[in-house]
Amino acid sequence: MNMAIALKLSDELVQDAKAVAAAEHRSVPKQIEYWARIGKAVLENPELPLRLIQDTMLSLEEAKAGRVSAYTFG
């Protein structure tokens, strides 16, 4: 369930998000949401490197989109 609410964000945060969002092909709200999800994951898993957290989040989204294939060992 998506719940939209209005938030007051600093102009600096929004400007930073605009620049990164354009480079990452995201909307500004989606960029800020991504940063929030990354921050939450980092705080919940302080022992894991950021890159591992990012790669795990990406792989979960790829799996949701059906972009998976079986891995053959050996």
C-alpha atoms as a PDB file:
ATOM      1  CA  MET A   1       0.000   0.000   0.000  1.00  0.00           C
ATOM      2  CA  ASN A   2       1.452   3.362  -1.040  1.00  0.00           C
ATOM      3  CA  MET A   3       0.645   6.312   1.142  1.00  0.00           C
ATOM      4  CA  ALA A   4       1.527   9.728  -0.222  1.00  0.00           C
ATOM      5  CA  ILE A   5       2.174  12.462   2.312  1.00  0.00           C
ATOM      6  CA  ALA A   6       3.585  15.945   2.013  1.00  0.00           C
ATOM      7  CA  LEU A   7       7.005  16.513   3.557  1.00  0.00           C
ATOM      8  CA  LYS A   8       8.992  19.672   4.065  1.00  0.00           C
ATOM      9  CA  LEU A   9      12.539  19.038   2.852  1.00  0.00           C
ATOM     10  CA  SER A  10      15.477  21.399   2.761  1.00  0.00           C
ATOM     11  CA  ASP A  11      16.196  23.134  -0.527  1.00  0.00           C
ATOM     12  CA  GLU A  12      19.740  21.751  -0.388  1.00  0.00           C
ATOM     13  CA  LEU A  13      18.518  18.141  -0.166  1.00  0.00           C
ATOM     14  CA  VAL A  14      16.087  18.653  -3.053  1.00  0.00           C
ATOM     15  CA  GLN A  15      18.780  20.268  -5.216  1.00  0.00           C
ATOM     16  CA  ASP A  16      21.205  17.420  -4.463  1.00  0.00           C
ATOM     17  CA  ALA A  17      18.485  14.912  -5.297  1.00  0.00           C
ATOM     18  CA  LYS A  18      17.692  16.669  -8.600  1.00  0.00           C
ATOM     19  CA  ALA A  19      21.284  16.321  -9.782  1.00  0.00           C
ATOM     20  CA  VAL A  20      21.631  12.670  -8.792  1.00  0.00           C
ATOM     21  CA  ALA A  21      18.112  11.790  -9.968  1.00  0.00           C
ATOM     22  CA  ALA A  22      18.881  13.072 -13.445  1.00  0.00           C
ATOM     23  CA  ALA A  23      22.065  11.014 -13.618  1.00  0.00           C
ATOM     24  CA  GLU A  24      20.326   7.896 -12.273  1.00  0.00           C
ATOM     25  CA  HIS A  25      17.177   8.327 -14.417  1.00  0.00           C
ATOM     26  CA  ARG A  26      14.897   8.638 -11.389  1.00  0.00           C
ATOM     27  CA  SER A  27      12.381  11.238 -10.325  1.00  0.00           C
ATOM     28  CA  VAL A  28      13.383  13.474  -7.426  1.00  0.00           C
ATOM     29  CA  PRO A  29      10.910  11.779  -5.036  1.00  0.00           C
ATOM     30  CA  LYS A  30      12.154   8.325  -6.093  1.00  0.00           C
ATOM     31  CA  GLN A  31      15.768   9.441  -5.557  1.00  0.00           C
ATOM     32  CA  ILE A  32      15.002  10.632  -2.030  1.00  0.00           C
ATOM     33  CA  GLU A  33      13.085   7.401  -1.371  1.00  0.00           C
ATOM     34  CA  TYR A  34      16.106   5.403  -2.586  1.00  0.00           C
ATOM     35  CA  TRP A  35      18.423   7.347  -0.281  1.00  0.00           C
ATOM     36  CA  ALA A  36      16.048   6.677   2.615  1.00  0.00           C
ATOM     37  CA  ARG A  37      15.946   2.942   1.872  1.00  0.00           C
ATOM     38  CA  ILE A  38      19.760   2.788   1.627  1.00  0.00           C
ATOM     39  CA  GLY A  39      20.140   4.721   4.883  1.00  0.00           C
ATOM     40  CA  LYS A  40      17.673   2.450   6.667  1.00  0.00           C
ATOM     41  CA  ALA A  41      19.452  -0.673   5.383  1.00  0.00           C
ATOM     42  CA  VAL A  42      22.848   0.679   6.457  1.00  0.00           C
ATOM     43  CA  LEU A  43      21.573   1.482   9.939  1.00  0.00           C
ATOM     44  CA  GLU A  44      19.989  -1.967  10.257  1.00  0.00           C
ATOM     45  CA  ASN A  45      23.154  -3.720   8.992  1.00  0.00           C
ATOM     46  CA  PRO A  46      26.162  -1.707  10.227  1.00  0.00           C
ATOM     47  CA  GLU A  47      28.495  -4.679   9.753  1.00  0.00           C
ATOM     48  CA  LEU A  48      27.851  -4.882   5.986  1.00  0.00           C
ATOM     49  CA  PRO A  49      29.646  -2.781   3.361  1.00  0.00           C
ATOM     50  CA  LEU A  50      27.496  -0.253   1.511  1.00  0.00           C
ATOM     51  CA  ARG A  51      28.240  -1.855  -1.868  1.00  0.00           C
ATOM     52  CA  LEU A  52      26.932  -5.225  -0.647  1.00  0.00           C
ATOM     53  CA  ILE A  53      23.740  -3.573   0.589  1.00  0.00           C
ATOM     54  CA  GLN A  54      23.271  -1.766  -2.742  1.00  0.00           C
ATOM     55  CA  ASP A  55      23.917  -4.935  -4.750  1.00  0.00           C
ATOM     56  CA  THR A  56      21.498  -6.903  -2.568  1.00  0.00           C
ATOM     57  CA  MET A  57      18.776  -4.280  -3.021  1.00  0.00           C
ATOM     58  CA  LEU A  58      19.351  -4.335  -6.779  1.00  0.00           C
ATOM     59  CA  SER A  59      19.189  -8.119  -6.940  1.00  0.00           C
ATOM     60  CA  LEU A  60      15.906  -8.137  -4.984  1.00  0.00           C
ATOM     61  CA  GLU A  61      14.380  -5.677  -7.478  1.00  0.00           C
ATOM     62  CA  GLU A  62      15.673  -7.732 -10.416  1.00  0.00           C
ATOM     63  CA  ALA A  63      14.092 -10.862  -8.907  1.00  0.00           C
ATOM     64  CA  LYS A  64      10.766  -9.023  -8.472  1.00  0.00           C
ATOM     65  CA  ALA A  65      10.948  -8.051 -12.142  1.00  0.00           C
ATOM     66  CA  GLY A  66      11.564 -11.668 -13.167  1.00  0.00           C
ATOM     67  CA  ARG A  67      15.130 -11.008 -14.307  1.00  0.00           C
ATOM     68  CA  VAL A  68      16.654 -14.133 -12.759  1.00  0.00           C
ATOM     69  CA  SER A  69      18.303 -17.249 -14.090  1.00  0.00           C
ATOM     70  CA  ALA A  70      19.499 -20.448 -12.494  1.00  0.00           C
ATOM     71  CA  TYR A  71      23.139 -20.590 -11.471  1.00  0.00           C
ATOM     72  CA  THR A  72      25.048 -23.748 -12.373  1.00  0.00           C
ATOM     73  CA  PHE A  73      27.935 -24.634 -10.083  1.00  0.00           C
ATOM     74  CA  GLY A  74      31.108 -26.087 -11.521  1.00  0.00           C
END
